[in-house]
Amino acid sequence: MAQSLALLIRGANAVLIADGNLDAIERFFSPEYVVNITGQRLAGGHDIVRKVLGSILKSFPDIQVEINVLLEETVLLG
């Protein structure tokens, strides 16, 4: 069954950013994930995602993110 990518992105935002649950990173990012931020490509998978999100949440403890999906395509995973 295909999962809506918009729902997945909104779910990741709710769990990781709004709730600050960085233990859930493995649910939303691959082990080989590369973070692209401020013109840098930071390799390191789950560890680097945890580090970057932790820094953002520490710097902006009341951060709110609004997700606006402009275009969505069905992608079958698996």
N, C-alpha and C. Protein backbone atom coordinates (compact mmCIF):
# COMPACT_ATOMS: atom_id res chain seq x y z
N MET A 1 0.84 -1.18 0.00
CA MET A 1 0.00 0.00 0.00
C MET A 1 0.89 1.24 0.00
N ALA A 2 0.59 2.17 -0.87
CA ALA A 2 1.37 3.40 -0.95
C ALA A 2 1.01 4.33 0.19
N GLN A 3 2.02 4.98 0.74
CA GLN A 3 1.79 5.97 1.79
C GLN A 3 1.98 7.35 1.20
N SER A 4 1.11 8.26 1.55
CA SER A 4 1.22 9.63 1.08
C SER A 4 2.52 10.23 1.60
N LEU A 5 3.32 10.77 0.69
CA LEU A 5 4.56 11.41 1.11
C LEU A 5 4.27 12.66 1.95
N ALA A 6 3.18 13.35 1.63
CA ALA A 6 2.80 14.52 2.42
C ALA A 6 2.50 14.13 3.86
N LEU A 7 1.79 13.02 4.06
CA LEU A 7 1.49 12.54 5.41
C LEU A 7 2.77 12.13 6.14
N LEU A 8 3.69 11.51 5.42
CA LEU A 8 4.96 11.12 6.02
C LEU A 8 5.76 12.34 6.47
N ILE A 9 5.81 13.36 5.63
CA ILE A 9 6.54 14.59 5.97
C ILE A 9 5.87 15.30 7.15
N ARG A 10 4.56 15.38 7.12
CA ARG A 10 3.84 16.01 8.25
C ARG A 10 4.05 15.21 9.54
N GLY A 11 4.04 13.89 9.43
CA GLY A 11 4.28 13.04 10.61
C GLY A 11 5.67 13.24 11.17
N ALA A 12 6.66 13.31 10.29
CA ALA A 12 8.04 13.54 10.74
C ALA A 12 8.15 14.89 11.43
N ASN A 13 7.52 15.91 10.86
CA ASN A 13 7.54 17.24 11.47
C ASN A 13 6.91 17.21 12.86
N ALA A 14 5.77 16.55 12.99
CA ALA A 14 5.07 16.49 14.28
C ALA A 14 5.91 15.78 15.34
N VAL A 15 6.49 14.66 14.98
CA VAL A 15 7.24 13.85 15.95
C VAL A 15 8.60 14.47 16.27
N LEU A 16 9.34 14.86 15.22
CA LEU A 16 10.72 15.32 15.42
C LEU A 16 10.81 16.78 15.86
N ILE A 17 10.05 17.65 15.24
CA ILE A 17 10.16 19.09 15.52
C ILE A 17 9.19 19.49 16.64
N ALA A 18 7.90 19.26 16.44
CA ALA A 18 6.91 19.71 17.43
C ALA A 18 7.07 18.99 18.77
N ASP A 19 7.27 17.66 18.72
CA ASP A 19 7.40 16.88 19.96
C ASP A 19 8.85 16.80 20.45
N GLY A 20 9.80 17.09 19.56
CA GLY A 20 11.22 17.00 19.94
C GLY A 20 11.70 15.59 20.20
N ASN A 21 11.03 14.60 19.62
CA ASN A 21 11.38 13.20 19.84
C ASN A 21 12.44 12.74 18.83
N LEU A 22 13.70 13.02 19.14
CA LEU A 22 14.79 12.67 18.23
C LEU A 22 15.08 11.17 18.21
N ASP A 23 14.49 10.42 19.14
CA ASP A 23 14.65 8.97 19.12
C ASP A 23 13.90 8.35 17.94
N ALA A 24 13.04 9.11 17.29
CA ALA A 24 12.26 8.62 16.15
C ALA A 24 12.94 8.88 14.81
N ILE A 25 14.14 9.40 14.81
CA ILE A 25 14.84 9.74 13.56
C ILE A 25 14.92 8.54 12.62
N GLU A 26 15.18 7.36 13.15
CA GLU A 26 15.32 6.17 12.33
C GLU A 26 14.04 5.83 11.56
N ARG A 27 12.89 6.29 12.04
CA ARG A 27 11.62 6.04 11.35
C ARG A 27 11.49 6.87 10.08
N PHE A 28 12.20 7.99 10.01
CA PHE A 28 11.97 8.94 8.92
C PHE A 28 13.18 9.15 8.00
N PHE A 29 14.38 8.76 8.43
CA PHE A 29 15.59 8.99 7.64
C PHE A 29 16.36 7.70 7.43
N SER A 30 16.95 7.56 6.26
CA SER A 30 17.76 6.37 5.97
C SER A 30 19.09 6.47 6.72
N PRO A 31 19.75 5.33 6.95
CA PRO A 31 21.04 5.34 7.64
C PRO A 31 22.13 6.08 6.87
N GLU A 32 21.94 6.28 5.57
CA GLU A 32 22.94 6.97 4.73
C GLU A 32 22.56 8.42 4.46
N TYR A 33 21.58 8.94 5.15
CA TYR A 33 21.07 10.29 4.86
C TYR A 33 22.19 11.33 4.97
N VAL A 34 22.16 12.30 4.04
CA VAL A 34 23.10 13.41 4.03
C VAL A 34 22.29 14.69 4.25
N VAL A 35 22.65 15.45 5.27
CA VAL A 35 21.97 16.71 5.58
C VAL A 35 22.56 17.81 4.71
N ASN A 36 21.68 18.54 4.03
CA ASN A 36 22.09 19.70 3.24
C ASN A 36 21.57 20.94 3.94
N ILE A 37 22.48 21.71 4.53
CA ILE A 37 22.07 22.88 5.31
C ILE A 37 23.14 23.96 5.18
N THR A 38 22.72 25.18 5.00
CA THR A 38 23.60 26.36 4.86
C THR A 38 24.76 26.11 3.89
N GLY A 39 24.41 25.53 2.74
CA GLY A 39 25.42 25.30 1.71
C GLY A 39 26.39 24.17 2.00
N GLN A 40 26.12 23.38 3.01
CA GLN A 40 27.01 22.27 3.37
C GLN A 40 26.30 20.94 3.16
N ARG A 41 27.07 19.92 2.81
CA ARG A 41 26.58 18.54 2.73
C ARG A 41 27.23 17.79 3.88
N LEU A 42 26.43 17.42 4.87
CA LEU A 42 26.94 16.77 6.07
C LEU A 42 26.55 15.30 6.06
N ALA A 43 27.50 14.42 5.79
CA ALA A 43 27.25 12.98 5.80
C ALA A 43 27.29 12.50 7.24
N GLY A 44 26.58 11.42 7.50
CA GLY A 44 26.62 10.86 8.85
C GLY A 44 25.34 10.17 9.25
N GLY A 45 24.38 10.10 8.33
CA GLY A 45 23.16 9.36 8.59
C GLY A 45 22.41 9.85 9.81
N HIS A 46 21.91 8.90 10.60
CA HIS A 46 21.07 9.22 11.76
C HIS A 46 21.79 10.13 12.76
N ASP A 47 23.08 9.91 12.95
CA ASP A 47 23.82 10.71 13.93
C ASP A 47 23.86 12.19 13.54
N ILE A 48 24.09 12.47 12.26
CA ILE A 48 24.18 13.87 11.84
C ILE A 48 22.79 14.52 11.84
N VAL A 49 21.75 13.75 11.49
CA VAL A 49 20.39 14.29 11.57
C VAL A 49 20.07 14.65 13.02
N ARG A 50 20.41 13.76 13.95
CA ARG A 50 20.18 14.00 15.38
C ARG A 50 20.93 15.25 15.84
N LYS A 51 22.16 15.39 15.41
CA LYS A 51 22.99 16.53 15.80
C LYS A 51 22.41 17.85 15.27
N VAL A 52 22.05 17.87 13.99
CA VAL A 52 21.52 19.09 13.37
C VAL A 52 20.17 19.46 13.96
N LEU A 53 19.25 18.48 14.06
CA LEU A 53 17.94 18.78 14.63
C LEU A 53 18.06 19.19 16.10
N GLY A 54 18.96 18.54 16.84
CA GLY A 54 19.18 18.92 18.23
C GLY A 54 19.65 20.36 18.36
N SER A 55 20.55 20.77 17.47
CA SER A 55 21.04 22.16 17.48
C SER A 55 19.93 23.15 17.15
N ILE A 56 19.11 22.80 16.16
CA ILE A 56 18.01 23.68 15.78
C ILE A 56 17.01 23.82 16.93
N LEU A 57 16.65 22.68 17.55
CA LEU A 57 15.69 22.71 18.64
C LEU A 57 16.23 23.44 19.86
N LYS A 58 17.54 23.33 20.10
CA LYS A 58 18.15 24.04 21.22
C LYS A 58 18.18 25.55 20.95
N SER A 59 18.49 25.92 19.71
CA SER A 59 18.58 27.33 19.34
C SER A 59 17.22 28.00 19.26
N PHE A 60 16.23 27.23 18.84
CA PHE A 60 14.87 27.76 18.65
C PHE A 60 13.87 26.84 19.36
N PRO A 61 13.81 26.89 20.69
CA PRO A 61 12.97 25.94 21.44
C PRO A 61 11.47 26.06 21.14
N ASP A 62 11.02 27.18 20.64
CA ASP A 62 9.60 27.36 20.33
C ASP A 62 9.33 27.33 18.83
N ILE A 63 10.22 26.70 18.08
CA ILE A 63 10.09 26.67 16.62
C ILE A 63 8.78 26.01 16.20
N GLN A 64 8.18 26.55 15.18
CA GLN A 64 7.00 25.98 14.56
C GLN A 64 7.25 25.91 13.07
N VAL A 65 6.91 24.80 12.47
CA VAL A 65 7.13 24.59 11.04
C VAL A 65 5.78 24.34 10.38
N GLU A 66 5.53 25.05 9.30
CA GLU A 66 4.31 24.87 8.53
C GLU A 66 4.67 24.13 7.24
N ILE A 67 3.95 23.07 6.96
CA ILE A 67 4.19 22.27 5.76
C ILE A 67 3.12 22.61 4.73
N ASN A 68 3.55 23.04 3.56
CA ASN A 68 2.65 23.30 2.44
C ASN A 68 3.09 22.44 1.27
N VAL A 69 2.33 21.41 0.98
CA VAL A 69 2.66 20.52 -0.13
C VAL A 69 2.07 21.13 -1.40
N LEU A 70 2.94 21.47 -2.33
CA LEU A 70 2.49 22.11 -3.57
C LEU A 70 2.18 21.09 -4.65
N LEU A 71 2.85 19.97 -4.61
CA LEU A 71 2.66 18.93 -5.61
C LEU A 71 3.00 17.61 -4.97
N GLU A 72 2.18 16.61 -5.20
CA GLU A 72 2.45 15.31 -4.64
C GLU A 72 2.23 14.25 -5.71
N GLU A 73 3.14 13.28 -5.72
CA GLU A 73 3.06 12.17 -6.64
C GLU A 73 3.03 10.89 -5.81
N THR A 74 2.28 9.92 -6.24
CA THR A 74 2.23 8.65 -5.52
C THR A 74 3.50 7.87 -5.82
N VAL A 75 4.16 7.44 -4.78
CA VAL A 75 5.36 6.65 -4.91
C VAL A 75 5.15 5.36 -4.13
N LEU A 76 5.38 4.24 -4.77
CA LEU A 76 5.24 2.96 -4.09
C LEU A 76 6.57 2.60 -3.44
N LEU A 77 6.54 2.40 -2.16
CA LEU A 77 7.75 2.03 -1.42
C LEU A 77 7.71 0.52 -1.19
N GLY A 78 8.83 -0.12 -1.49
CA GLY A 78 8.93 -1.54 -1.19
C GLY A 78 8.70 -2.42 -2.32
